[in-house]
């Protein structure tokens, strides 16, 4: 019943702690039984006016193996009770410790698996989950499984063990009462199974609404400025309220289901306890039970049902975690592009990239790139230019294996890109885009991400090449200056130069710059272009740029139009042809002159 074998097998390390948790619970109930039995026997002795004798009756004969002598004094009985209480206290403490360790290990394992999967998928992870959904699963979804591993699974097995233990003990006093208790116990799991059929559907809807609300909130938050500019914030506010109301309704359904199921389980638990007690009272009335034995049955009757009743309480939270685990597995099962027999890029001081007759389509119908052939070699900058939608960024995505070519091939030092594992590719090729991420931490942390073993001299040289050295040294804390999330405490130009310094420190043989100088100040743009041209003397550099004046010094300029490579050559050669490139340069110069006049 709700035992997910795959989930448990993934978190194999947690099994040990779950087993210890079950053992601690069982030791606790054994201590309870010993205490109650001694109290019951004491009452029998007091009522009969006899010496405390553990050998009277079949029950005590069965218990005699646990005693040091057949005649135990009152003092010895009290000592045994105190010892049992101490053992119970210790087992309860260890129960909490082992329960936490089993859930903590499971959470860490699942988050590691999700993270490693995302690394392998790259940008393809969005095929199965949106970014906000991944965040929700990794945080809230995994947290929901804490109860599943730490409480539900141990309680499930303990709920099987406890009634059997109690049945054996009580059957020595009254097998009729024990049998009634044992027959009523299965009614609780039967009710849980019936509830589970309804709960699965409701919880699946709950998680879908939860994820959709998170997606909407994240999208509206990121686009808040745009919504304000166009006066659409009120409309989005109304739409989000509607989604929030739908989430509230499904949440209330979940809570209502939980409350009703708890009432049903309480009815079964109290009813079963009452039935068994009535049987014991009837036997006591007929003189078949002593008063102490009757009290033992009454005190232990609830112990038959408390474990399963508690299991029912954990059940609903665990079901929520199981609904989250279904989505986690959907992400983990996302198909990966596996490179069979991956090859290593031959060692070389330089990296030659060759694109041969490449075709690409996103939907299998409209061709985004058509029969593209070009070479990227060291010793000069190679630029790709063209109007928006001409396929420039798609070409960069293909070179970084973020997309797969439909026809043709891309080779690196003669090795097909399709035969190269992502880890091997990223050891040779790097990217600087307009959205290069700057992480929260110090400037040093962001730089050392590219090369943890970098020396101070190497860091300083990278900063100098990126034209960022003077800025860093002017800061009071220098490299230890804290940077806000996504570099929000830096200007756009400073962020891009930091990203450039980071890629320089990584010392890759080839670097792709995809609109790396867009939306930054002129001074920073000029500094970055100077750095790019310096790098192009020794490395394979490809630049995608909308600003044509910046690529005039390029060794080779490739002009894309509607997915086709229509022109190639130096700036001077292309201008002399007076075709696509020359017209683009002319139009851009006119626009810039208009801006200057204004």
Protein backbone atom coordinates (compact mmCIF):
# COMPACT_ATOMS: atom_id res chain seq x y z
CA UNK A 1 0.00 0.00 0.00
CA UNK A 2 1.72 3.09 -1.31
CA UNK A 3 5.19 1.54 -1.12
CA UNK A 4 7.07 2.94 -4.09
CA UNK A 5 9.84 0.42 -4.70
CA UNK A 6 11.65 2.67 -7.16
CA UNK A 7 11.68 5.59 -4.75
CA UNK A 8 13.04 3.45 -1.93
CA UNK A 9 15.64 1.77 -4.17
CA UNK A 10 16.91 5.19 -5.31
CA UNK A 11 17.36 6.27 -1.69
CA UNK A 12 19.06 3.01 -0.70
CA UNK A 13 21.05 4.57 2.15
CA UNK A 14 17.80 5.50 3.92
CA UNK A 15 16.77 1.83 4.28
CA UNK A 16 19.20 1.30 7.16
CA UNK A 17 17.81 4.23 9.13
CA UNK A 18 14.21 3.24 8.41
CA UNK A 19 14.94 -0.24 9.79
CA UNK A 20 16.43 1.26 12.96
CA UNK A 21 13.41 3.55 13.29
CA UNK A 22 11.08 0.52 13.17
CA UNK A 23 13.21 -1.30 15.75
CA UNK A 24 13.06 1.67 18.15
CA UNK A 25 9.26 1.80 17.81
CA UNK A 26 8.97 -1.93 18.51
CA UNK A 27 11.23 -1.69 21.58
CA UNK A 28 8.99 1.14 22.80
CA UNK A 29 5.82 -0.97 22.62
CA UNK A 30 7.58 -3.93 24.31
CA UNK A 31 8.42 -1.58 27.20
CA UNK A 32 4.78 -0.45 27.33
CA UNK A 33 3.59 -4.06 27.46
CA UNK A 34 6.00 -4.94 30.31
CA UNK A 35 4.91 -1.91 32.33
CA UNK A 36 1.19 -2.56 31.84
CA UNK A 37 1.55 -6.28 32.63
CA UNK A 38 3.41 -5.56 35.87
CA UNK A 39 0.79 -3.00 36.87
CA UNK A 40 -1.99 -5.49 36.09
CA UNK A 41 -0.33 -8.23 38.14
CA UNK A 42 0.21 -5.80 41.01
CA UNK A 43 -3.52 -4.99 40.97
CA UNK A 44 -4.37 -8.71 40.97
CA UNK A 45 -2.11 -9.26 43.99
CA UNK A 46 -3.53 -6.25 45.83
CA UNK A 47 -7.08 -7.43 45.18
CA UNK A 48 -6.26 -10.99 46.24
CA UNK A 49 -4.08 -9.84 49.15
CA UNK A 50 -1.22 -12.06 47.97
CA UNK A 51 2.52 -11.67 47.43
CA UNK A 52 3.49 -10.43 43.99
CA UNK A 53 3.94 -13.70 42.11
CA UNK A 54 4.64 -13.69 38.41
CA UNK A 55 4.04 -17.44 38.09
CA UNK A 56 0.30 -17.38 38.71
CA UNK A 57 -1.61 -18.09 35.53
CA UNK A 58 -0.61 -19.12 32.05
CA UNK A 59 0.39 -15.59 31.04
CA UNK A 60 2.97 -15.30 33.76
CA UNK A 61 4.34 -18.74 32.94
CA UNK A 62 4.90 -17.45 29.41
CA UNK A 63 6.54 -14.30 30.81
CA UNK A 64 8.81 -16.19 33.23
CA UNK A 65 11.66 -16.31 30.67
CA UNK A 66 12.02 -12.56 31.00
CA UNK A 67 12.35 -12.61 34.77
CA UNK A 68 15.37 -13.43 36.90
CA UNK A 69 13.31 -15.42 39.35
CA UNK A 70 9.86 -16.82 39.59
CA UNK A 71 9.13 -14.84 42.76
CA UNK A 72 9.65 -11.14 42.24
CA UNK A 73 9.14 -8.69 45.05
CA UNK A 74 7.28 -5.40 44.77
CA UNK A 75 10.61 -3.59 44.80
CA UNK A 76 11.86 -5.68 41.90
CA UNK A 77 8.65 -4.97 39.99
CA UNK A 78 9.13 -1.21 40.45
CA UNK A 79 12.78 -1.49 39.37
CA UNK A 80 11.70 -3.33 36.20
CA UNK A 81 9.12 -0.60 35.48
CA UNK A 82 11.74 2.15 35.94
CA UNK A 83 14.18 0.30 33.64
CA UNK A 84 11.43 -0.13 31.04
CA UNK A 85 10.63 3.59 31.21
CA UNK A 86 14.30 4.49 30.72
CA UNK A 87 14.63 2.10 27.76
CA UNK A 88 11.44 3.55 26.26
CA UNK A 89 12.78 7.10 26.66
CA UNK A 90 16.08 6.18 24.97
CA UNK A 91 14.31 4.36 22.13
CA UNK A 92 12.01 7.35 21.61
CA UNK A 93 15.04 9.66 21.33
CA UNK A 94 16.77 7.32 18.89
CA UNK A 95 13.53 7.02 16.90
CA UNK A 96 13.64 10.78 16.25
CA UNK A 97 17.32 10.64 15.31
CA UNK A 98 16.99 7.74 12.87
CA UNK A 99 13.77 9.15 11.40
CA UNK A 100 15.52 12.44 10.64
CA UNK A 101 18.54 10.71 9.11
CA UNK A 102 16.41 8.56 6.80
CA UNK A 103 14.46 11.57 5.50
CA UNK A 104 17.52 13.86 5.30
CA UNK A 105 19.44 11.27 3.29
CA UNK A 106 16.47 10.77 0.94
CA UNK A 107 16.07 14.51 0.37
CA UNK A 108 19.77 14.99 -0.35
CA UNK A 109 19.77 12.01 -2.74
CA UNK A 110 16.71 13.17 -4.69
CA UNK A 111 18.00 16.74 -5.03
CA UNK A 112 21.36 15.42 -6.22
CA UNK A 113 19.67 13.21 -8.81
CA UNK A 114 17.50 16.10 -10.05
CA UNK A 115 20.53 18.40 -10.28
CA UNK A 116 22.65 15.82 -12.12
CA UNK A 117 19.77 15.16 -14.52
CA UNK A 118 19.44 18.88 -15.26
CA UNK A 119 23.17 19.06 -15.97
CA UNK A 120 22.90 16.19 -18.44
CA UNK A 121 19.78 17.59 -20.11
CA UNK A 122 21.09 21.13 -20.43
CA UNK A 123 18.40 23.41 -21.83
CA UNK A 124 16.35 20.36 -22.88
CA UNK A 125 15.01 20.03 -19.32
CA UNK A 126 12.24 22.46 -20.26
CA UNK A 127 10.71 19.79 -22.49
CA UNK A 128 9.37 18.04 -19.37
CA UNK A 129 9.28 20.81 -16.72
CA UNK A 130 9.29 24.58 -16.70
CA UNK A 131 11.91 26.35 -14.61
CA UNK A 132 9.43 27.29 -11.88
CA UNK A 133 8.21 23.67 -11.81
CA UNK A 134 11.76 22.39 -11.33
CA UNK A 135 12.25 24.83 -8.45
CA UNK A 136 8.99 23.74 -6.81
CA UNK A 137 9.83 20.05 -7.17
CA UNK A 138 13.38 20.48 -5.87
CA UNK A 139 12.24 22.42 -2.81
CA UNK A 140 8.62 21.83 -1.83
CA UNK A 141 8.20 18.50 -3.64
CA UNK A 142 11.26 16.93 -2.03
CA UNK A 143 10.31 18.35 1.38
CA UNK A 144 6.93 16.60 1.10
CA UNK A 145 8.80 13.29 0.87
CA UNK A 146 10.37 13.92 4.28
CA UNK A 147 7.27 12.46 5.97
CA UNK A 148 7.22 9.57 3.52
CA UNK A 149 10.73 8.38 4.42
CA UNK A 150 11.00 9.58 8.01
CA UNK A 151 7.51 8.69 9.24
CA UNK A 152 5.23 6.89 6.79
CA UNK A 153 7.39 3.92 5.71
CA UNK A 154 8.65 3.11 9.26
CA UNK A 155 5.12 3.53 10.60
CA UNK A 156 3.75 1.25 7.88
CA UNK A 157 5.93 -1.70 8.90
CA UNK A 158 5.57 -0.92 12.61
CA UNK A 159 1.78 -0.95 12.13
CA UNK A 160 2.08 -4.55 10.96
CA UNK A 161 4.45 -5.57 13.75
CA UNK A 162 2.70 -3.92 16.74
CA UNK A 163 -0.75 -5.61 16.43
CA UNK A 164 0.90 -9.03 15.99
CA UNK A 165 3.01 -8.49 19.12
CA UNK A 166 -0.02 -7.36 21.12
CA UNK A 167 -2.11 -10.25 19.81
CA UNK A 168 0.45 -12.77 21.06
CA UNK A 169 0.59 -11.12 24.51
CA UNK A 170 -3.17 -10.56 25.02
CA UNK A 171 -4.06 -14.02 23.71
CA UNK A 172 -2.48 -15.45 26.89
CA UNK A 173 -4.99 -13.42 28.92
CA UNK A 174 -8.05 -13.61 26.65
CA UNK A 175 -7.79 -15.07 23.20
CA UNK A 176 -11.38 -13.97 22.49
CA UNK A 177 -10.61 -10.26 23.10
CA UNK A 178 -7.33 -10.57 21.20
CA UNK A 179 -9.17 -12.08 18.23
CA UNK A 180 -11.75 -9.25 18.17
CA UNK A 181 -8.98 -6.64 18.21
CA UNK A 182 -7.12 -8.46 15.45
CA UNK A 183 -10.20 -8.70 13.23
CA UNK A 184 -10.96 -4.96 13.58
CA UNK A 185 -7.38 -3.81 12.86
CA UNK A 186 -7.47 -4.52 9.06
CA UNK A 187 -10.50 -2.24 8.68
CA UNK A 188 -8.22 0.82 9.01
CA UNK A 189 -5.90 -0.05 6.06
CA UNK A 190 -8.98 -1.04 4.03
CA UNK A 191 -10.40 2.46 4.61
CA UNK A 192 -7.01 4.00 3.70
CA UNK A 193 -6.94 2.05 0.40
CA UNK A 194 -10.45 3.26 -0.43
CA UNK A 195 -9.49 6.85 0.35
CA UNK A 196 -6.27 6.54 -1.68
CA UNK A 197 -8.21 6.00 -4.92
CA UNK A 198 -9.92 9.37 -4.48
CA UNK A 199 -6.82 11.06 -3.04
CA UNK A 200 -4.61 10.24 -6.04
CA UNK A 201 -6.83 12.16 -8.43
CA UNK A 202 -7.29 15.13 -6.09
CA UNK A 203 -3.58 15.40 -5.26
CA UNK A 204 -2.58 15.20 -8.92
CA UNK A 205 -4.92 18.12 -9.62
CA UNK A 206 -3.52 19.92 -6.55
CA UNK A 207 0.07 19.68 -7.80
CA UNK A 208 -0.89 20.76 -11.33
CA UNK A 209 -2.65 23.85 -9.95
CA UNK A 210 0.27 24.52 -7.64
CA UNK A 211 2.78 24.37 -10.51
CA UNK A 212 0.59 26.51 -12.79
CA UNK A 213 0.21 29.16 -10.09
CA UNK A 214 3.99 29.18 -9.62
CA UNK A 215 4.54 29.54 -13.38
CA UNK A 216 2.10 32.46 -13.56
CA UNK A 217 3.60 34.22 -10.56
CA UNK A 218 7.18 33.88 -11.88
CA UNK A 219 6.18 35.06 -15.36
CA UNK A 220 4.27 38.08 -14.03
CA UNK A 221 7.10 38.97 -11.67
CA UNK A 222 9.71 38.83 -14.45
CA UNK A 223 7.50 40.81 -16.82
CA UNK A 224 6.23 43.32 -14.24
CA UNK A 225 7.86 46.31 -15.93
CA UNK A 226 6.37 45.36 -19.29
CA UNK A 227 2.93 44.90 -17.75
CA UNK A 228 3.15 48.34 -16.13
CA UNK A 229 4.29 49.99 -19.35
CA UNK A 230 1.35 48.58 -21.32
CA UNK A 231 -1.17 48.96 -18.51
CA UNK A 232 -1.89 45.23 -18.35
CA UNK A 233 -0.97 44.71 -14.69
CA UNK A 234 -4.61 44.92 -13.54
CA UNK A 235 -5.67 42.29 -16.07
CA UNK A 236 -2.86 39.96 -15.00
CA UNK A 237 -3.83 40.65 -11.40
CA UNK A 238 -7.37 39.44 -12.12
CA UNK A 239 -6.11 36.33 -13.95
CA UNK A 240 -3.73 35.46 -11.13
CA UNK A 241 -6.50 35.90 -8.56
CA UNK A 242 -8.59 33.41 -10.53
CA UNK A 243 -5.75 30.87 -10.52
CA UNK A 244 -5.17 31.49 -6.81
CA UNK A 245 -8.86 30.90 -6.13
CA UNK A 246 -8.75 27.63 -8.10
CA UNK A 247 -5.73 26.58 -6.03
CA UNK A 248 -7.57 27.53 -2.82
CA UNK A 249 -10.56 25.38 -3.80
CA UNK A 250 -8.44 22.32 -4.58
CA UNK A 251 -6.51 22.85 -1.32
CA UNK A 252 -9.78 22.87 0.62
CA UNK A 253 -10.77 19.64 -1.16
CA UNK A 254 -7.53 18.04 0.03
CA UNK A 255 -8.08 19.25 3.60
CA UNK A 256 -11.72 18.10 3.56
CA UNK A 257 -10.66 14.67 2.32
CA UNK A 258 -8.06 14.43 5.08
CA UNK A 259 -10.54 15.44 7.80
CA UNK A 260 -13.22 12.99 6.64
CA UNK A 261 -10.75 10.12 6.41
CA UNK A 262 -9.47 10.85 9.92
CA UNK A 263 -13.05 10.70 11.24
CA UNK A 264 -13.54 7.31 9.57
CA UNK A 265 -10.31 5.93 11.03
CA UNK A 266 -11.21 7.27 14.49
CA UNK A 267 -14.58 5.53 14.28
CA UNK A 268 -12.92 2.21 13.38
CA UNK A 269 -10.21 2.58 16.04
CA UNK A 270 -12.54 3.53 18.91
CA UNK A 271 -15.18 1.03 17.77
CA UNK A 272 -12.70 -1.85 17.60
CA UNK A 273 -11.24 -0.93 20.99
CA UNK A 274 -14.74 -0.80 22.46
CA UNK A 275 -15.73 -4.20 21.02
CA UNK A 276 -12.66 -5.92 22.41
CA UNK A 277 -13.18 -4.26 25.79
CA UNK A 278 -16.84 -5.42 25.86
CA UNK A 279 -15.69 -9.01 25.27
CA UNK A 280 -13.19 -8.68 28.13
CA UNK A 281 -15.86 -7.19 30.42
CA UNK A 282 -18.18 -10.09 29.62
CA UNK A 283 -15.45 -12.56 30.57
CA UNK A 284 -14.73 -10.61 33.77
CA UNK A 285 -18.44 -10.73 34.63
CA UNK A 286 -18.40 -14.52 34.21
CA UNK A 287 -15.34 -14.79 36.45
CA UNK A 288 -12.98 -15.84 33.66
CA UNK A 289 -10.70 -12.77 34.08
CA UNK A 290 -9.15 -11.12 37.11
CA UNK A 291 -9.55 -7.36 37.54
CA UNK A 292 -5.87 -6.75 36.82
CA UNK A 293 -6.09 -8.74 33.58
CA UNK A 294 -9.16 -6.73 32.57
CA UNK A 295 -7.25 -3.47 33.16
CA UNK A 296 -4.32 -4.81 31.10
CA UNK A 297 -6.67 -5.49 28.17
CA UNK A 298 -8.30 -2.05 28.48
CA UNK A 299 -4.92 -0.25 28.63
CA UNK A 300 -3.44 -2.20 25.71
CA UNK A 301 -6.59 -2.13 23.53
CA UNK A 302 -5.74 1.31 22.12
CA UNK A 303 -2.21 0.14 21.27
CA UNK A 304 -3.75 -2.16 18.64
CA UNK A 305 -5.14 0.80 16.73
CA UNK A 306 -2.86 3.77 17.54
CA UNK A 307 -0.08 2.68 15.10
CA UNK A 308 -2.52 2.34 12.17
CA UNK A 309 -4.36 5.49 13.23
CA UNK A 310 -1.04 7.38 13.15
CA UNK A 311 -0.25 5.77 9.80
CA UNK A 312 -3.48 7.27 8.48
CA UNK A 313 -2.38 10.72 9.63
CA UNK A 314 0.94 10.37 7.82
CA UNK A 315 -0.81 8.88 4.81
CA UNK A 316 -2.20 12.16 3.45
CA UNK A 317 1.08 14.04 3.70
CA UNK A 318 2.87 11.04 2.21
CA UNK A 319 0.35 10.96 -0.65
CA UNK A 320 1.19 14.58 -1.39
CA UNK A 321 4.85 13.59 -1.50
CA UNK A 322 4.05 10.66 -3.79
CA UNK A 323 2.24 13.01 -6.19
CA UNK A 324 5.40 15.15 -6.20
CA UNK A 325 7.57 12.06 -6.73
CA UNK A 326 5.60 11.21 -9.89
CA UNK A 327 6.66 14.55 -11.36
CA UNK A 328 10.23 14.10 -10.13
CA UNK A 329 10.38 10.73 -11.91
CA UNK A 330 8.89 12.32 -15.03
CA UNK A 331 11.85 14.70 -15.01
CA UNK A 332 14.37 11.96 -14.21
CA UNK A 333 12.91 9.83 -17.03
CA UNK A 334 13.22 12.59 -19.62
CA UNK A 335 15.04 11.13 -22.60
CA UNK A 336 18.66 12.20 -22.88
CA UNK A 337 20.83 12.54 -25.92
CA UNK A 338 23.35 9.80 -25.15
CA UNK A 339 26.60 9.80 -27.09
CA UNK A 340 27.52 6.23 -27.99
CA UNK A 341 31.25 5.51 -27.83
CA UNK A 342 32.18 9.16 -27.15
CA UNK A 343 35.40 10.39 -28.72
CA UNK A 344 38.04 12.76 -27.43
CA UNK A 345 38.96 15.92 -29.32
CA UNK A 346 42.60 15.46 -30.43
CA UNK A 347 45.05 17.45 -28.33
CA UNK A 348 46.15 20.61 -30.11
CA UNK A 349 47.12 24.18 -29.31
CA UNK A 350 44.42 25.31 -31.71
CA UNK A 351 40.86 24.23 -32.39
CA UNK A 352 39.53 24.09 -35.93
CA UNK A 353 35.74 23.97 -36.25
CA UNK A 354 34.22 23.03 -39.58
CA UNK A 355 30.51 23.32 -40.45
CA UNK A 356 29.58 21.26 -43.51
CA UNK A 357 26.23 21.42 -45.33
CA UNK A 358 24.26 21.85 -42.10
CA UNK A 359 20.45 21.95 -42.16
CA UNK A 360 18.26 22.50 -39.12
CA UNK A 361 14.56 22.75 -38.37
CA UNK A 362 12.79 23.12 -35.01
CA UNK A 363 9.51 21.57 -36.12
CA UNK A 364 10.68 19.33 -38.97
CA UNK A 365 8.92 21.54 -41.53
CA UNK A 366 10.29 25.08 -41.74
CA UNK A 367 14.03 25.13 -42.36
CA UNK A 368 15.80 27.54 -39.98
CA UNK A 369 19.26 26.85 -41.44
CA UNK A 370 19.74 25.71 -45.03
CA UNK A 371 22.93 24.07 -46.27
CA UNK A 372 25.36 26.12 -44.15
CA UNK A 373 29.10 25.55 -44.63
CA UNK A 374 31.80 27.62 -42.92
CA UNK A 375 35.12 27.27 -41.08
CA UNK A 376 36.19 28.67 -37.73
CA UNK A 377 39.95 28.80 -37.25
CA UNK A 378 42.38 30.57 -34.87
CA UNK A 379 44.28 33.70 -35.81
CA UNK A 380 41.50 36.18 -36.42
CA UNK A 381 37.89 36.82 -35.53
CA UNK A 382 35.04 35.16 -37.45
CA UNK A 383 31.74 37.05 -37.36
CA UNK A 384 28.20 36.00 -38.21
CA UNK A 385 25.81 38.85 -38.98
CA UNK A 386 22.30 39.13 -40.29
CA UNK A 387 18.84 40.43 -39.55
CA UNK A 388 16.86 39.14 -36.60
CA UNK A 389 15.52 35.64 -37.33
CA UNK A 390 18.18 34.83 -39.89
CA UNK A 391 19.49 31.86 -37.84
CA UNK A 392 22.58 33.37 -36.18
CA UNK A 393 21.83 32.25 -32.60
CA UNK A 394 20.62 28.87 -33.88
CA UNK A 395 24.07 28.38 -35.38
CA UNK A 396 25.63 29.10 -31.96
CA UNK A 397 23.25 26.61 -30.30
CA UNK A 398 24.30 23.93 -32.83
CA UNK A 399 28.00 24.57 -32.20
CA UNK A 400 27.42 24.13 -28.44
CA UNK A 401 25.38 20.93 -29.03
CA UNK A 402 22.32 22.54 -27.46
CA UNK A 403 20.50 21.57 -30.65
CA UNK A 404 21.18 18.68 -32.99
CA UNK A 405 21.69 19.15 -36.73
CA UNK A 406 19.13 17.48 -39.01
CA UNK A 407 21.54 17.01 -41.92
CA UNK A 408 25.21 17.70 -42.48
CA UNK A 409 27.89 17.69 -39.81
CA UNK A 410 30.00 19.82 -37.50
CA UNK A 411 33.55 18.68 -36.68
CA UNK A 412 36.09 19.82 -34.10
CA UNK A 413 39.66 18.98 -35.11
CA UNK A 414 38.17 16.35 -37.41
CA UNK A 415 35.87 14.71 -34.82
CA UNK A 416 32.12 14.85 -35.42
CA UNK A 417 30.30 16.93 -32.81
CA UNK A 418 27.67 14.18 -32.50
CA UNK A 419 30.43 11.82 -31.28
CA UNK A 420 31.62 14.18 -28.54
CA UNK A 421 30.21 14.05 -24.98
CA UNK A 422 29.03 17.41 -23.57
CA UNK A 423 31.72 17.35 -20.85
CA UNK A 424 34.45 16.92 -23.48
CA UNK A 425 32.96 19.69 -25.64
CA UNK A 426 32.83 22.19 -22.77
CA UNK A 427 36.49 21.53 -21.99
CA UNK A 428 37.31 23.10 -25.37
CA UNK A 429 34.45 25.49 -26.19
CA UNK A 430 32.85 28.22 -24.09
CA UNK A 431 30.09 30.79 -24.51
CA UNK A 432 29.57 34.42 -23.56
CA UNK A 433 26.04 35.61 -24.27
CA UNK A 434 23.98 38.68 -23.50
CA UNK A 435 22.55 36.72 -20.57
CA UNK A 436 25.70 35.24 -19.05
CA UNK A 437 24.80 34.58 -15.41
CA UNK A 438 26.65 36.21 -12.55
CA UNK A 439 26.20 34.34 -9.27
CA UNK A 440 25.64 35.73 -5.82
CA UNK A 441 28.97 35.79 -3.95
CA UNK A 442 32.27 37.61 -4.34
CA UNK A 443 33.98 38.64 -7.56
CA UNK A 444 36.65 36.03 -6.76
CA UNK A 445 33.98 33.30 -6.41
CA UNK A 446 32.57 34.11 -9.85
CA UNK A 447 36.02 34.05 -11.45
CA UNK A 448 37.26 30.88 -9.76
CA UNK A 449 34.15 29.06 -11.00
CA UNK A 450 35.94 28.84 -14.35
CA UNK A 451 39.24 27.66 -12.90
CA UNK A 452 39.35 26.85 -9.16
CA UNK A 453 43.14 26.35 -9.30
CA UNK A 454 43.86 29.75 -10.88
CA UNK A 455 46.72 31.74 -9.38
CA UNK A 456 46.53 35.42 -8.46
CA UNK A 457 48.67 36.26 -11.48
CA UNK A 458 46.26 34.42 -13.80
CA UNK A 459 43.26 36.21 -12.27
CA UNK A 460 44.91 39.60 -12.67
CA UNK A 461 45.84 38.86 -16.29
CA UNK A 462 42.25 37.80 -17.06
CA UNK A 463 40.93 41.02 -15.50
CA UNK A 464 43.39 43.08 -17.50
CA UNK A 465 42.48 41.37 -20.76
CA UNK A 466 38.77 41.93 -20.02
CA UNK A 467 39.50 45.61 -19.23
CA UNK A 468 38.15 45.13 -15.69
CA UNK A 469 41.35 45.29 -13.64
CA UNK A 470 41.20 49.00 -12.82
CA UNK A 471 37.58 48.74 -11.72
CA UNK A 472 38.26 45.81 -9.38
CA UNK A 473 41.36 47.37 -7.83
CA UNK A 474 39.44 50.60 -7.20
CA UNK A 475 36.93 48.77 -4.99
CA UNK A 476 37.59 48.85 -1.21
CA UNK A 477 37.38 45.05 -0.93
CA UNK A 478 38.79 44.28 -4.38
CA UNK A 479 38.12 40.67 -5.41
CA UNK A 480 36.28 40.07 -2.12
CA UNK A 481 33.56 42.54 -3.10
CA UNK A 482 30.14 40.92 -2.72
CA UNK A 483 28.01 40.66 -5.86
CA UNK A 484 24.21 40.52 -5.66
CA UNK A 485 22.14 37.79 -7.31
CA UNK A 486 22.57 37.80 -11.12
CA UNK A 487 25.06 40.64 -10.74
CA UNK A 488 22.32 43.21 -10.03
CA UNK A 489 24.79 45.33 -8.04
CA UNK A 490 26.94 45.76 -11.19
CA UNK A 491 26.23 47.74 -14.34
CA UNK A 492 25.49 45.89 -17.57
CA UNK A 493 28.97 46.57 -18.90
CA UNK A 494 30.66 45.45 -15.68
CA UNK A 495 28.64 42.21 -15.69
CA UNK A 496 29.68 41.41 -19.25
CA UNK A 497 33.33 42.21 -18.61
CA UNK A 498 33.22 39.97 -15.52
CA UNK A 499 31.71 37.19 -17.65
CA UNK A 500 34.46 37.78 -20.20
CA UNK A 501 37.17 37.62 -17.52
CA UNK A 502 35.68 34.37 -16.30
CA UNK A 503 35.78 32.77 -19.74
CA UNK A 504 39.35 34.00 -20.25
CA UNK A 505 40.35 32.38 -16.96
CA UNK A 506 38.75 29.12 -18.14
CA UNK A 507 41.27 29.17 -21.02
CA UNK A 508 39.11 27.36 -23.57
CA UNK A 509 40.44 26.98 -27.12
CA UNK A 510 37.26 28.35 -28.72
CA UNK A 511 34.85 31.04 -27.49
CA UNK A 512 31.47 31.93 -28.98
CA UNK A 513 30.18 35.45 -28.31
CA UNK A 514 26.41 35.60 -28.89
CA UNK A 515 25.34 39.26 -28.82
CA UNK A 516 27.69 39.69 -25.86
CA UNK A 517 27.80 43.49 -26.23
CA UNK A 518 24.09 44.17 -26.61
CA UNK A 519 22.36 46.55 -24.18
CA UNK A 520 25.52 47.90 -22.55
CA UNK A 521 27.15 51.34 -22.50
CA UNK A 522 29.40 52.43 -25.38
CA UNK A 523 32.55 52.58 -23.23
CA UNK A 524 32.08 48.98 -22.01
CA UNK A 525 31.23 47.82 -25.52
CA UNK A 526 34.45 49.23 -26.93
CA UNK A 527 36.48 47.69 -24.09
CA UNK A 528 34.93 44.28 -24.66
CA UNK A 529 35.53 44.43 -28.42
CA UNK A 530 39.17 45.29 -27.84
CA UNK A 531 39.43 42.25 -25.54
CA UNK A 532 37.70 40.00 -28.09
CA UNK A 533 40.12 41.02 -30.84
CA UNK A 534 43.07 40.38 -28.51
CA UNK A 535 41.75 36.87 -27.80
CA UNK A 536 41.19 36.16 -31.50
CA UNK A 537 44.95 36.29 -32.12
CA UNK A 538 45.46 32.95 -30.35
CA UNK A 539 42.01 31.38 -30.02
CA UNK A 540 39.13 30.34 -32.26
CA UNK A 541 36.58 33.13 -31.84
CA UNK A 542 33.12 33.36 -33.35
CA UNK A 543 31.07 36.49 -32.79
CA UNK A 544 27.37 36.98 -33.43
CA UNK A 545 26.64 40.67 -33.49
CA UNK A 546 23.93 43.07 -34.60
CA UNK A 547 26.37 46.01 -34.51
CA UNK A 548 28.16 45.83 -37.86
CA UNK A 549 30.65 48.61 -37.16
CA UNK A 550 32.21 46.42 -34.48
CA UNK A 551 33.08 43.55 -36.85
CA UNK A 552 34.93 45.60 -39.47
CA UNK A 553 38.28 44.14 -38.37
CA UNK A 554 37.04 40.53 -38.54
CA UNK A 555 39.11 38.02 -40.53
CA UNK A 556 35.90 36.63 -42.05
CA UNK A 557 32.31 37.87 -41.97
CA UNK A 558 29.49 35.46 -42.81
CA UNK A 559 26.15 37.06 -43.72
CA UNK A 560 22.98 35.11 -42.94
CA UNK A 561 19.60 35.84 -44.50
CA UNK A 562 16.46 33.76 -43.88
CA UNK A 563 18.57 30.80 -42.76
CA UNK A 564 20.97 30.88 -45.71
CA UNK A 565 24.62 31.90 -45.90
CA UNK A 566 24.41 34.50 -48.65
CA UNK A 567 27.80 36.24 -48.41
CA UNK A 568 31.24 35.68 -46.91
CA UNK A 569 34.36 37.81 -46.88
CA UNK A 570 36.18 40.67 -45.19
CA UNK A 571 34.45 43.98 -44.52
CA UNK A 572 36.16 45.62 -47.47
CA UNK A 573 35.35 42.78 -49.86
CA UNK A 574 31.70 42.67 -48.85
CA UNK A 575 31.31 46.44 -49.11
CA UNK A 576 32.75 46.36 -52.62
CA UNK A 577 30.10 43.81 -53.66
CA UNK A 578 27.43 46.32 -52.67
CA UNK A 579 24.85 43.64 -51.86
CA UNK A 580 23.23 42.37 -48.61
CA UNK A 581 26.02 43.26 -46.17
CA UNK A 582 26.68 46.66 -47.74
CA UNK A 583 22.96 47.52 -47.59
CA UNK A 584 22.81 46.46 -43.93
CA UNK A 585 25.82 48.66 -43.09
CA UNK A 586 24.26 51.61 -44.94
CA UNK A 587 20.92 51.24 -43.14
CA UNK A 588 22.61 50.96 -39.75
CA UNK A 589 24.74 54.05 -40.40
CA UNK A 590 21.63 56.03 -41.34
CA UNK A 591 19.86 54.98 -38.14
CA UNK A 592 22.88 55.92 -36.03
CA UNK A 593 23.16 59.32 -37.72
CA UNK A 594 19.48 59.99 -36.98
CA UNK A 595 20.04 59.12 -33.29
CA UNK A 596 23.07 61.46 -33.15
CA UNK A 597 21.05 64.33 -34.62
CA UNK A 598 18.31 63.81 -32.02
